[in-house]
Amino acid sequence: MNKQPWKWSVEIEELENRHYVRVIEDSAVSIKSFGSQADAKAFANRERARLGLDTPLKK
């Protein structure tokens, strides 16, 4: 399924030693904070799989 990125995406950003995962699901945005990049990446990849997005995050 080809989903529009502004409606369906998962992103990781780092700010002040915290890692934030932004999940955009059918235009609804949710953000979860993590203390480690590994935890954020694992959560983001699970969310990408759940949403049926093609590639895991490498960041």
N, C-alpha and C. Protein backbone atom coordinates (compact mmCIF):
# COMPACT_ATOMS: atom_id res chain seq x y z
N MET A 1 0.84 -1.18 0.00
CA MET A 1 0.00 0.00 0.00
C MET A 1 0.88 1.24 0.00
N ASN A 2 0.60 2.18 -0.86
CA ASN A 2 1.37 3.42 -0.94
C ASN A 2 0.66 4.49 -0.12
N LYS A 3 1.20 4.78 1.05
CA LYS A 3 0.58 5.75 1.95
C LYS A 3 1.27 7.09 1.83
N GLN A 4 0.51 8.16 1.84
CA GLN A 4 1.06 9.50 1.74
C GLN A 4 1.82 9.83 3.03
N PRO A 5 3.08 10.30 2.93
CA PRO A 5 3.90 10.50 4.12
C PRO A 5 3.36 11.55 5.09
N TRP A 6 2.60 12.51 4.62
CA TRP A 6 2.05 13.51 5.55
C TRP A 6 0.89 12.94 6.34
N LYS A 7 0.36 11.79 5.92
CA LYS A 7 -0.73 11.14 6.66
C LYS A 7 -0.26 9.91 7.42
N TRP A 8 0.85 9.29 6.99
CA TRP A 8 1.33 8.04 7.58
C TRP A 8 2.86 8.07 7.63
N SER A 9 3.44 8.23 8.79
CA SER A 9 4.89 8.17 8.89
C SER A 9 5.33 7.95 10.33
N VAL A 10 6.59 7.56 10.47
CA VAL A 10 7.21 7.39 11.78
C VAL A 10 8.59 8.02 11.68
N GLU A 11 8.90 8.92 12.61
CA GLU A 11 10.16 9.65 12.58
C GLU A 11 10.78 9.68 13.97
N ILE A 12 12.11 9.77 14.01
CA ILE A 12 12.84 9.91 15.28
C ILE A 12 13.59 11.23 15.24
N GLU A 13 13.52 11.96 16.35
CA GLU A 13 14.32 13.17 16.50
C GLU A 13 14.95 13.18 17.88
N GLU A 14 16.12 13.79 17.98
CA GLU A 14 16.81 13.91 19.27
C GLU A 14 16.81 15.37 19.69
N LEU A 15 16.49 15.61 20.96
CA LEU A 15 16.48 16.96 21.50
C LEU A 15 16.87 16.89 22.96
N GLU A 16 17.95 17.55 23.31
CA GLU A 16 18.43 17.62 24.70
C GLU A 16 18.53 16.25 25.37
N ASN A 17 19.25 15.35 24.73
CA ASN A 17 19.53 14.01 25.26
C ASN A 17 18.30 13.12 25.42
N ARG A 18 17.21 13.45 24.75
CA ARG A 18 16.02 12.61 24.70
C ARG A 18 15.76 12.27 23.24
N HIS A 19 15.16 11.13 23.01
CA HIS A 19 14.83 10.69 21.65
C HIS A 19 13.31 10.62 21.56
N TYR A 20 12.77 11.28 20.55
CA TYR A 20 11.33 11.38 20.39
C TYR A 20 10.90 10.67 19.11
N VAL A 21 9.89 9.84 19.24
CA VAL A 21 9.32 9.15 18.08
C VAL A 21 7.98 9.81 17.79
N ARG A 22 7.87 10.34 16.57
CA ARG A 22 6.63 10.95 16.12
C ARG A 22 5.94 9.97 15.18
N VAL A 23 4.73 9.56 15.54
CA VAL A 23 3.94 8.65 14.72
C VAL A 23 2.77 9.44 14.15
N ILE A 24 2.68 9.47 12.83
CA ILE A 24 1.55 10.10 12.16
C ILE A 24 0.73 8.98 11.54
N GLU A 25 -0.49 8.82 12.07
CA GLU A 25 -1.36 7.74 11.63
C GLU A 25 -2.68 8.33 11.17
N ASP A 26 -2.91 8.29 9.88
CA ASP A 26 -4.11 8.86 9.27
C ASP A 26 -4.28 10.31 9.71
N SER A 27 -3.20 11.07 9.64
CA SER A 27 -3.10 12.50 9.97
C SER A 27 -3.12 12.81 11.46
N ALA A 28 -3.28 11.82 12.34
CA ALA A 28 -3.25 12.04 13.79
C ALA A 28 -1.81 11.84 14.27
N VAL A 29 -1.31 12.82 15.03
CA VAL A 29 0.08 12.80 15.48
C VAL A 29 0.16 12.40 16.95
N SER A 30 1.08 11.48 17.24
CA SER A 30 1.40 11.15 18.63
C SER A 30 2.92 11.14 18.78
N ILE A 31 3.39 11.53 19.95
CA ILE A 31 4.83 11.62 20.21
C ILE A 31 5.14 10.88 21.50
N LYS A 32 6.19 10.07 21.45
CA LYS A 32 6.62 9.32 22.64
C LYS A 32 8.10 9.59 22.85
N SER A 33 8.49 9.78 24.10
CA SER A 33 9.86 10.12 24.47
C SER A 33 10.60 8.90 25.01
N PHE A 34 11.90 8.81 24.69
CA PHE A 34 12.74 7.70 25.14
C PHE A 34 14.07 8.26 25.64
N GLY A 35 14.66 7.56 26.59
CA GLY A 35 15.96 7.95 27.12
C GLY A 35 17.12 7.44 26.29
N SER A 36 16.88 6.42 25.46
CA SER A 36 17.97 5.89 24.64
C SER A 36 17.55 5.81 23.17
N GLN A 37 18.53 5.97 22.32
CA GLN A 37 18.26 5.89 20.88
C GLN A 37 17.82 4.48 20.49
N ALA A 38 18.40 3.47 21.13
CA ALA A 38 18.05 2.08 20.81
C ALA A 38 16.59 1.80 21.12
N ASP A 39 16.09 2.28 22.26
CA ASP A 39 14.68 2.08 22.60
C ASP A 39 13.77 2.81 21.63
N ALA A 40 14.16 4.03 21.26
CA ALA A 40 13.35 4.82 20.32
C ALA A 40 13.31 4.13 18.96
N LYS A 41 14.45 3.63 18.52
CA LYS A 41 14.52 2.97 17.22
C LYS A 41 13.68 1.68 17.21
N ALA A 42 13.76 0.91 18.28
CA ALA A 42 12.98 -0.34 18.36
C ALA A 42 11.48 -0.03 18.32
N PHE A 43 11.06 0.97 19.09
CA PHE A 43 9.65 1.35 19.10
C PHE A 43 9.22 1.85 17.71
N ALA A 44 10.05 2.69 17.10
CA ALA A 44 9.72 3.24 15.79
C ALA A 44 9.59 2.13 14.75
N ASN A 45 10.47 1.16 14.79
CA ASN A 45 10.39 0.06 13.82
C ASN A 45 9.15 -0.80 14.05
N ARG A 46 8.77 -1.01 15.30
CA ARG A 46 7.52 -1.74 15.58
C ARG A 46 6.31 -0.97 15.04
N GLU A 47 6.33 0.35 15.22
CA GLU A 47 5.22 1.17 14.72
C GLU A 47 5.18 1.15 13.19
N ARG A 48 6.34 1.20 12.54
CA ARG A 48 6.39 1.14 11.07
C ARG A 48 5.80 -0.19 10.59
N ALA A 49 6.14 -1.27 11.27
CA ALA A 49 5.59 -2.58 10.88
C ALA A 49 4.08 -2.61 11.11
N ARG A 50 3.63 -2.09 12.24
CA ARG A 50 2.20 -2.08 12.55
C ARG A 50 1.41 -1.28 11.52
N LEU A 51 2.00 -0.17 11.06
CA LEU A 51 1.32 0.68 10.08
C LEU A 51 1.48 0.19 8.65
N GLY A 52 2.32 -0.82 8.47
CA GLY A 52 2.52 -1.35 7.12
C GLY A 52 3.40 -0.47 6.25
N LEU A 53 4.28 0.30 6.88
CA LEU A 53 5.22 1.12 6.12
C LEU A 53 6.39 0.25 5.71
N ASP A 54 6.95 0.53 4.55
CA ASP A 54 7.86 -0.39 3.88
C ASP A 54 9.19 -0.65 4.56
N THR A 55 9.94 0.38 4.90
CA THR A 55 11.31 0.16 5.35
C THR A 55 11.50 0.54 6.81
N PRO A 56 12.31 -0.22 7.55
CA PRO A 56 12.61 0.16 8.92
C PRO A 56 13.52 1.38 8.96
N LEU A 57 13.49 2.11 10.06
CA LEU A 57 14.34 3.27 10.24
C LEU A 57 15.77 2.85 10.48
N LYS A 58 16.71 3.57 9.92
CA LYS A 58 18.13 3.27 10.12
C LYS A 58 18.79 4.28 11.03
N LYS A 59 18.10 5.33 11.35
CA LYS A 59 18.63 6.44 12.14
C LYS A 59 18.90 6.04 13.56
